[in-house]
Amino acid sequence: MAMDYRDRIIELRKESGLSQAQLAKKLNISQSAVAKWETKRTEPTAAAIISLSKIFNKTTDYILGLEDEWGNVSNNNIK
């Protein structure tokens, strides 16, 4: 099963040892916004995805689950 943005944000946040509140502070947003992304109640904005990619040093496509950690494109997400 391919990972999506929710899975990637949770994975990267935990790997970095960050709480939702700590990640939110780095993004200058509320902790509840991060929680909503992680529960798929809302989606991050394009600006937030770009910021996440800079914080975690990953591509935006990786954050979105469109490619794996080696840059291989996933065809599972094409509809």
PDB file of N, CA and C in Angstrom:
ATOM      1  N   MET A   1       0.843  -1.186   0.000  1.00  0.00           N
ATOM      2  CA  MET A   1       0.000   0.000   0.000  1.00  0.00           C
ATOM      3  C   MET A   1       0.885   1.245   0.000  1.00  0.00           C
ATOM      4  N   ALA A   2       0.609   2.152  -0.897  1.00  0.00           N
ATOM      5  CA  ALA A   2       1.397   3.373  -1.017  1.00  0.00           C
ATOM      6  C   ALA A   2       1.078   4.322   0.135  1.00  0.00           C
ATOM      7  N   MET A   3       2.104   5.055   0.525  1.00  0.00           N
ATOM      8  CA  MET A   3       1.914   6.051   1.574  1.00  0.00           C
ATOM      9  C   MET A   3       1.348   7.325   0.960  1.00  0.00           C
ATOM     10  N   ASP A   4       0.543   8.036   1.727  1.00  0.00           N
ATOM     11  CA  ASP A   4       0.039   9.324   1.270  1.00  0.00           C
ATOM     12  C   ASP A   4       0.605  10.420   2.177  1.00  0.00           C
ATOM     13  N   TYR A   5       0.175  11.654   1.952  1.00  0.00           N
ATOM     14  CA  TYR A   5       0.730  12.769   2.720  1.00  0.00           C
ATOM     15  C   TYR A   5       0.577  12.570   4.216  1.00  0.00           C
ATOM     16  N   ARG A   6      -0.550  12.024   4.648  1.00  0.00           N
ATOM     17  CA  ARG A   6      -0.791  11.809   6.074  1.00  0.00           C
ATOM     18  C   ARG A   6       0.275  10.895   6.665  1.00  0.00           C
ATOM     19  N   ASP A   7       0.491   9.764   6.013  1.00  0.00           N
ATOM     20  CA  ASP A   7       1.485   8.807   6.493  1.00  0.00           C
ATOM     21  C   ASP A   7       2.880   9.415   6.508  1.00  0.00           C
ATOM     22  N   ARG A   8       3.197  10.156   5.453  1.00  0.00           N
ATOM     23  CA  ARG A   8       4.534  10.746   5.355  1.00  0.00           C
ATOM     24  C   ARG A   8       4.765  11.800   6.429  1.00  0.00           C
ATOM     25  N   ILE A   9       3.782  12.641   6.684  1.00  0.00           N
ATOM     26  CA  ILE A   9       3.948  13.674   7.709  1.00  0.00           C
ATOM     27  C   ILE A   9       4.153  13.029   9.071  1.00  0.00           C
ATOM     28  N   ILE A  10       3.345  12.038   9.386  1.00  0.00           N
ATOM     29  CA  ILE A  10       3.484  11.345  10.674  1.00  0.00           C
ATOM     30  C   ILE A  10       4.862  10.697  10.767  1.00  0.00           C
ATOM     31  N   GLU A  11       5.256   9.965   9.724  1.00  0.00           N
ATOM     32  CA  GLU A  11       6.537   9.268   9.708  1.00  0.00           C
ATOM     33  C   GLU A  11       7.708  10.244   9.888  1.00  0.00           C
ATOM     34  N   LEU A  12       7.724  11.293   9.094  1.00  0.00           N
ATOM     35  CA  LEU A  12       8.828  12.248   9.151  1.00  0.00           C
ATOM     36  C   LEU A  12       8.858  13.008  10.477  1.00  0.00           C
ATOM     37  N   ARG A  13       7.683  13.365  10.972  1.00  0.00           N
ATOM     38  CA  ARG A  13       7.626  14.078  12.255  1.00  0.00           C
ATOM     39  C   ARG A  13       8.192  13.204  13.366  1.00  0.00           C
ATOM     40  N   LYS A  14       7.768  11.939  13.418  1.00  0.00           N
ATOM     41  CA  LYS A  14       8.235  11.035  14.470  1.00  0.00           C
ATOM     42  C   LYS A  14       9.721  10.717  14.326  1.00  0.00           C
ATOM     43  N   GLU A  15      10.181  10.495  13.079  1.00  0.00           N
ATOM     44  CA  GLU A  15      11.601  10.234  12.843  1.00  0.00           C
ATOM     45  C   GLU A  15      12.464  11.408  13.300  1.00  0.00           C
ATOM     46  N   SER A  16      11.923  12.605  13.201  1.00  0.00           N
ATOM     47  CA  SER A  16      12.642  13.810  13.609  1.00  0.00           C
ATOM     48  C   SER A  16      12.512  14.087  15.096  1.00  0.00           C
ATOM     49  N   GLY A  17      11.716  13.269  15.789  1.00  0.00           N
ATOM     50  CA  GLY A  17      11.535  13.454  17.222  1.00  0.00           C
ATOM     51  C   GLY A  17      10.716  14.677  17.579  1.00  0.00           C
ATOM     52  N   LEU A  18       9.840  15.078  16.668  1.00  0.00           N
ATOM     53  CA  LEU A  18       9.024  16.269  16.893  1.00  0.00           C
ATOM     54  C   LEU A  18       7.608  15.894  17.310  1.00  0.00           C
ATOM     55  N   SER A  19       7.063  16.648  18.234  1.00  0.00           N
ATOM     56  CA  SER A  19       5.645  16.519  18.563  1.00  0.00           C
ATOM     57  C   SER A  19       4.861  17.321  17.527  1.00  0.00           C
ATOM     58  N   GLN A  20       3.559  17.139  17.520  1.00  0.00           N
ATOM     59  CA  GLN A  20       2.723  17.955  16.633  1.00  0.00           C
ATOM     60  C   GLN A  20       2.913  19.435  16.951  1.00  0.00           C
ATOM     61  N   ALA A  21       2.985  19.761  18.226  1.00  0.00           N
ATOM     62  CA  ALA A  21       3.137  21.164  18.629  1.00  0.00           C
ATOM     63  C   ALA A  21       4.475  21.732  18.166  1.00  0.00           C
ATOM     64  N   GLN A  22       5.542  20.939  18.249  1.00  0.00           N
ATOM     65  CA  GLN A  22       6.859  21.409  17.821  1.00  0.00           C
ATOM     66  C   GLN A  22       6.896  21.630  16.306  1.00  0.00           C
ATOM     67  N   LEU A  23       6.293  20.702  15.557  1.00  0.00           N
ATOM     68  CA  LEU A  23       6.240  20.873  14.102  1.00  0.00           C
ATOM     69  C   LEU A  23       5.402  22.096  13.757  1.00  0.00           C
ATOM     70  N   ALA A  24       4.285  22.256  14.431  1.00  0.00           N
ATOM     71  CA  ALA A  24       3.417  23.413  14.182  1.00  0.00           C
ATOM     72  C   ALA A  24       4.176  24.717  14.421  1.00  0.00           C
ATOM     73  N   LYS A  25       4.976  24.754  15.469  1.00  0.00           N
ATOM     74  CA  LYS A  25       5.740  25.968  15.769  1.00  0.00           C
ATOM     75  C   LYS A  25       6.727  26.265  14.652  1.00  0.00           C
ATOM     76  N   LYS A  26       7.393  25.245  14.125  1.00  0.00           N
ATOM     77  CA  LYS A  26       8.328  25.439  13.016  1.00  0.00           C
ATOM     78  C   LYS A  26       7.609  25.966  11.771  1.00  0.00           C
ATOM     79  N   LEU A  27       6.357  25.559  11.595  1.00  0.00           N
ATOM     80  CA  LEU A  27       5.562  25.970  10.434  1.00  0.00           C
ATOM     81  C   LEU A  27       4.791  27.263  10.676  1.00  0.00           C
ATOM     82  N   ASN A  28       4.810  27.735  11.916  1.00  0.00           N
ATOM     83  CA  ASN A  28       4.066  28.939  12.309  1.00  0.00           C
ATOM     84  C   ASN A  28       2.559  28.762  12.090  1.00  0.00           C
ATOM     85  N   ILE A  29       2.079  27.586  12.498  1.00  0.00           N
ATOM     86  CA  ILE A  29       0.649  27.261  12.429  1.00  0.00           C
ATOM     87  C   ILE A  29       0.239  26.662  13.766  1.00  0.00           C
ATOM     88  N   SER A  30      -1.021  26.340  13.919  1.00  0.00           N
ATOM     89  CA  SER A  30      -1.500  25.753  15.172  1.00  0.00           C
ATOM     90  C   SER A  30      -1.243  24.247  15.206  1.00  0.00           C
ATOM     91  N   GLN A  31      -1.144  23.719  16.410  1.00  0.00           N
ATOM     92  CA  GLN A  31      -0.984  22.275  16.588  1.00  0.00           C
ATOM     93  C   GLN A  31      -2.195  21.548  16.034  1.00  0.00           C
ATOM     94  N   SER A  32      -3.368  22.155  16.150  1.00  0.00           N
ATOM     95  CA  SER A  32      -4.575  21.505  15.656  1.00  0.00           C
ATOM     96  C   SER A  32      -4.553  21.370  14.132  1.00  0.00           C
ATOM     97  N   ALA A  33      -3.884  22.279  13.435  1.00  0.00           N
ATOM     98  CA  ALA A  33      -3.766  22.158  11.978  1.00  0.00           C
ATOM     99  C   ALA A  33      -2.963  20.913  11.614  1.00  0.00           C
ATOM    100  N   VAL A  34      -1.867  20.673  12.319  1.00  0.00           N
ATOM    101  CA  VAL A  34      -1.057  19.470  12.084  1.00  0.00           C
ATOM    102  C   VAL A  34      -1.888  18.231  12.411  1.00  0.00           C
ATOM    103  N   ALA A  35      -2.608  18.269  13.525  1.00  0.00           N
ATOM    104  CA  ALA A  35      -3.458  17.136  13.909  1.00  0.00           C
ATOM    105  C   ALA A  35      -4.508  16.846  12.835  1.00  0.00           C
ATOM    106  N   LYS A  36      -5.070  17.885  12.255  1.00  0.00           N
ATOM    107  CA  LYS A  36      -6.082  17.695  11.206  1.00  0.00           C
ATOM    108  C   LYS A  36      -5.476  17.069   9.954  1.00  0.00           C
ATOM    109  N   TRP A  37      -4.230  17.427   9.620  1.00  0.00           N
ATOM    110  CA  TRP A  37      -3.564  16.779   8.482  1.00  0.00           C
ATOM    111  C   TRP A  37      -3.377  15.298   8.769  1.00  0.00           C
ATOM    112  N   GLU A  38      -2.936  15.013   9.995  1.00  0.00           N
ATOM    113  CA  GLU A  38      -2.609  13.642  10.361  1.00  0.00           C
ATOM    114  C   GLU A  38      -3.840  12.752  10.501  1.00  0.00           C
ATOM    115  N   THR A  39      -4.996  13.343  10.622  1.00  0.00           N
ATOM    116  CA  THR A  39      -6.238  12.568  10.681  1.00  0.00           C
ATOM    117  C   THR A  39      -7.043  12.711   9.384  1.00  0.00           C
ATOM    118  N   LYS A  40      -6.445  13.379   8.397  1.00  0.00           N
ATOM    119  CA  LYS A  40      -7.048  13.607   7.079  1.00  0.00           C
ATOM    120  C   LYS A  40      -8.358  14.390   7.129  1.00  0.00           C
ATOM    121  N   ARG A  41      -8.515  15.229   8.154  1.00  0.00           N
ATOM    122  CA  ARG A  41      -9.697  16.093   8.192  1.00  0.00           C
ATOM    123  C   ARG A  41      -9.506  17.300   7.290  1.00  0.00           C
ATOM    124  N   THR A  42      -8.245  17.701   7.099  1.00  0.00           N
ATOM    125  CA  THR A  42      -7.907  18.757   6.134  1.00  0.00           C
ATOM    126  C   THR A  42      -6.611  18.364   5.440  1.00  0.00           C
ATOM    127  N   GLU A  43      -6.304  19.073   4.370  1.00  0.00           N
ATOM    128  CA  GLU A  43      -5.064  18.843   3.635  1.00  0.00           C
ATOM    129  C   GLU A  43      -4.154  20.057   3.804  1.00  0.00           C
ATOM    130  N   PRO A  44      -2.848  19.815   3.848  1.00  0.00           N
ATOM    131  CA  PRO A  44      -1.924  20.951   3.942  1.00  0.00           C
ATOM    132  C   PRO A  44      -1.967  21.788   2.668  1.00  0.00           C
ATOM    133  N   THR A  45      -1.740  23.074   2.813  1.00  0.00           N
ATOM    134  CA  THR A  45      -1.673  23.967   1.660  1.00  0.00           C
ATOM    135  C   THR A  45      -0.377  23.700   0.896  1.00  0.00           C
ATOM    136  N   ALA A  46      -0.303  24.221  -0.315  1.00  0.00           N
ATOM    137  CA  ALA A  46       0.924  24.094  -1.106  1.00  0.00           C
ATOM    138  C   ALA A  46       2.101  24.721  -0.352  1.00  0.00           C
ATOM    139  N   ALA A  47       1.870  25.870   0.256  1.00  0.00           N
ATOM    140  CA  ALA A  47       2.938  26.539   1.013  1.00  0.00           C
ATOM    141  C   ALA A  47       3.400  25.672   2.184  1.00  0.00           C
ATOM    142  N   ALA A  48       2.467  25.010   2.855  1.00  0.00           N
ATOM    143  CA  ALA A  48       2.828  24.147   3.978  1.00  0.00           C
ATOM    144  C   ALA A  48       3.635  22.938   3.501  1.00  0.00           C
ATOM    145  N   ILE A  49       3.260  22.393   2.349  1.00  0.00           N
ATOM    146  CA  ILE A  49       3.996  21.245   1.802  1.00  0.00           C
ATOM    147  C   ILE A  49       5.428  21.648   1.459  1.00  0.00           C
ATOM    148  N   ILE A  50       5.589  22.827   0.896  1.00  0.00           N
ATOM    149  CA  ILE A  50       6.933  23.331   0.586  1.00  0.00           C
ATOM    150  C   ILE A  50       7.732  23.506   1.876  1.00  0.00           C
ATOM    151  N   SER A  51       7.112  24.065   2.897  1.00  0.00           N
ATOM    152  CA  SER A  51       7.789  24.240   4.181  1.00  0.00           C
ATOM    153  C   SER A  51       8.160  22.897   4.802  1.00  0.00           C
ATOM    154  N   LEU A  52       7.250  21.928   4.720  1.00  0.00           N
ATOM    155  CA  LEU A  52       7.546  20.586   5.237  1.00  0.00           C
ATOM    156  C   LEU A  52       8.737  19.978   4.511  1.00  0.00           C
ATOM    157  N   SER A  53       8.805  20.172   3.198  1.00  0.00           N
ATOM    158  CA  SER A  53       9.916  19.604   2.437  1.00  0.00           C
ATOM    159  C   SER A  53      11.247  20.219   2.861  1.00  0.00           C
ATOM    160  N   LYS A  54      11.228  21.490   3.201  1.00  0.00           N
ATOM    161  CA  LYS A  54      12.451  22.153   3.670  1.00  0.00           C
ATOM    162  C   LYS A  54      12.816  21.695   5.070  1.00  0.00           C
ATOM    163  N   ILE A  55      11.840  21.576   5.951  1.00  0.00           N
ATOM    164  CA  ILE A  55      12.096  21.140   7.323  1.00  0.00           C
ATOM    165  C   ILE A  55      12.676  19.726   7.347  1.00  0.00           C
ATOM    166  N   PHE A  56      12.086  18.833   6.541  1.00  0.00           N
ATOM    167  CA  PHE A  56      12.492  17.433   6.562  1.00  0.00           C
ATOM    168  C   PHE A  56      13.517  17.082   5.494  1.00  0.00           C
ATOM    169  N   ASN A  57      13.901  18.059   4.668  1.00  0.00           N
ATOM    170  CA  ASN A  57      14.871  17.845   3.598  1.00  0.00           C
ATOM    171  C   ASN A  57      14.437  16.715   2.664  1.00  0.00           C
ATOM    172  N   LYS A  58      13.184  16.772   2.255  1.00  0.00           N
ATOM    173  CA  LYS A  58      12.585  15.800   1.334  1.00  0.00           C
ATOM    174  C   LYS A  58      11.907  16.567   0.213  1.00  0.00           C
ATOM    175  N   THR A  59      11.677  15.911  -0.917  1.00  0.00           N
ATOM    176  CA  THR A  59      10.979  16.578  -2.017  1.00  0.00           C
ATOM    177  C   THR A  59       9.489  16.713  -1.688  1.00  0.00           C
ATOM    178  N   THR A  60       8.850  17.647  -2.343  1.00  0.00           N
ATOM    179  CA  THR A  60       7.403  17.783  -2.154  1.00  0.00           C
ATOM    180  C   THR A  60       6.691  16.530  -2.650  1.00  0.00           C
ATOM    181  N   ASP A  61       7.186  15.926  -3.717  1.00  0.00           N
ATOM    182  CA  ASP A  61       6.576  14.685  -4.207  1.00  0.00           C
ATOM    183  C   ASP A  61       6.678  13.576  -3.173  1.00  0.00           C
ATOM    184  N   TYR A  62       7.788  13.529  -2.439  1.00  0.00           N
ATOM    185  CA  TYR A  62       7.925  12.525  -1.378  1.00  0.00           C
ATOM    186  C   TYR A  62       6.894  12.803  -0.276  1.00  0.00           C
ATOM    187  N   ILE A  63       6.785  14.050   0.136  1.00  0.00           N
ATOM    188  CA  ILE A  63       5.819  14.426   1.179  1.00  0.00           C
ATOM    189  C   ILE A  63       4.406  14.012   0.763  1.00  0.00           C
ATOM    190  N   LEU A  64       4.080  14.205  -0.506  1.00  0.00           N
ATOM    191  CA  LEU A  64       2.744  13.895  -1.010  1.00  0.00           C
ATOM    192  C   LEU A  64       2.531  12.408  -1.282  1.00  0.00           C
ATOM    193  N   GLY A  65       3.585  11.616  -1.167  1.00  0.00           N
ATOM    194  CA  GLY A  65       3.464  10.184  -1.415  1.00  0.00           C
ATOM    195  C   GLY A  65       3.507   9.824  -2.891  1.00  0.00           C
ATOM    196  N   LEU A  66       3.983  10.746  -3.730  1.00  0.00           N
ATOM    197  CA  LEU A  66       4.042  10.506  -5.170  1.00  0.00           C
ATOM    198  C   LEU A  66       5.323   9.799  -5.590  1.00  0.00           C
ATOM    199  N   GLU A  67       6.337   9.816  -4.721  1.00  0.00           N
ATOM    200  CA  GLU A  67       7.572   9.102  -5.005  1.00  0.00           C
ATOM    201  C   GLU A  67       8.107   8.501  -3.714  1.00  0.00           C
ATOM    202  N   ASP A  68       8.975   7.485  -3.866  1.00  0.00           N
ATOM    203  CA  ASP A  68       9.566   6.865  -2.690  1.00  0.00           C
ATOM    204  C   ASP A  68      10.849   7.595  -2.310  1.00  0.00           C
ATOM    205  N   GLU A  69      11.536   7.087  -1.295  1.00  0.00           N
ATOM    206  CA  GLU A  69      12.721   7.774  -0.794  1.00  0.00           C
ATOM    207  C   GLU A  69      13.874   7.809  -1.791  1.00  0.00           C
ATOM    208  N   TRP A  70      13.813   6.989  -2.843  1.00  0.00           N
ATOM    209  CA  TRP A  70      14.846   6.969  -3.870  1.00  0.00           C
ATOM    210  C   TRP A  70      14.445   7.763  -5.098  1.00  0.00           C
ATOM    211  N   GLY A  71      13.293   8.403  -5.067  1.00  0.00           N
ATOM    212  CA  GLY A  71      12.840   9.216  -6.181  1.00  0.00           C
ATOM    213  C   GLY A  71      12.064   8.455  -7.237  1.00  0.00           C
ATOM    214  N   ASN A  72      11.744   7.188  -6.955  1.00  0.00           N
ATOM    215  CA  ASN A  72      10.945   6.409  -7.899  1.00  0.00           C
ATOM    216  C   ASN A  72       9.496   6.861  -7.829  1.00  0.00           C
ATOM    217  N   VAL A  73       8.915   7.157  -8.962  1.00  0.00           N
ATOM    218  CA  VAL A  73       7.545   7.636  -9.031  1.00  0.00           C
ATOM    219  C   VAL A  73       6.586   6.472  -8.820  1.00  0.00           C
ATOM    220  N   SER A  74       5.587   6.700  -7.983  1.00  0.00           N
ATOM    221  CA  SER A  74       4.567   5.696  -7.717  1.00  0.00           C
ATOM    222  C   SER A  74       3.405   5.866  -8.677  1.00  0.00           C
ATOM    223  N   ASN A  75       3.068   4.830  -9.397  1.00  0.00           N
ATOM    224  CA  ASN A  75       1.919   4.879 -10.304  1.00  0.00           C
ATOM    225  C   ASN A  75       0.608   4.587  -9.577  1.00  0.00           C
ATOM    226  N   ASN A  76       0.698   4.207  -8.306  1.00  0.00           N
ATOM    227  CA  ASN A  76      -0.503   3.889  -7.521  1.00  0.00           C
ATOM    228  C   ASN A  76      -1.384   5.103  -7.297  1.00  0.00           C
ATOM    229  N   ASN A  77      -0.795   6.297  -7.368  1.00  0.00           N
ATOM    230  CA  ASN A  77      -1.542   7.509  -7.056  1.00  0.00           C
ATOM    231  C   ASN A  77      -2.121   8.187  -8.285  1.00  0.00           C
ATOM    232  N   ILE A  78      -1.864   7.633  -9.470  1.00  0.00           N
ATOM    233  CA  ILE A  78      -2.385   8.227 -10.701  1.00  0.00           C
ATOM    234  C   ILE A  78      -3.818   7.755 -10.916  1.00  0.00           C
ATOM    235  N   LYS A  79      -4.715   8.697 -11.104  1.00  0.00           N
ATOM    236  CA  LYS A  79      -6.131   8.348 -11.286  1.00  0.00           C
ATOM    237  C   LYS A  79      -6.632   8.908 -12.588  1.00  0.00           C
TER     238      LYS A  79
END
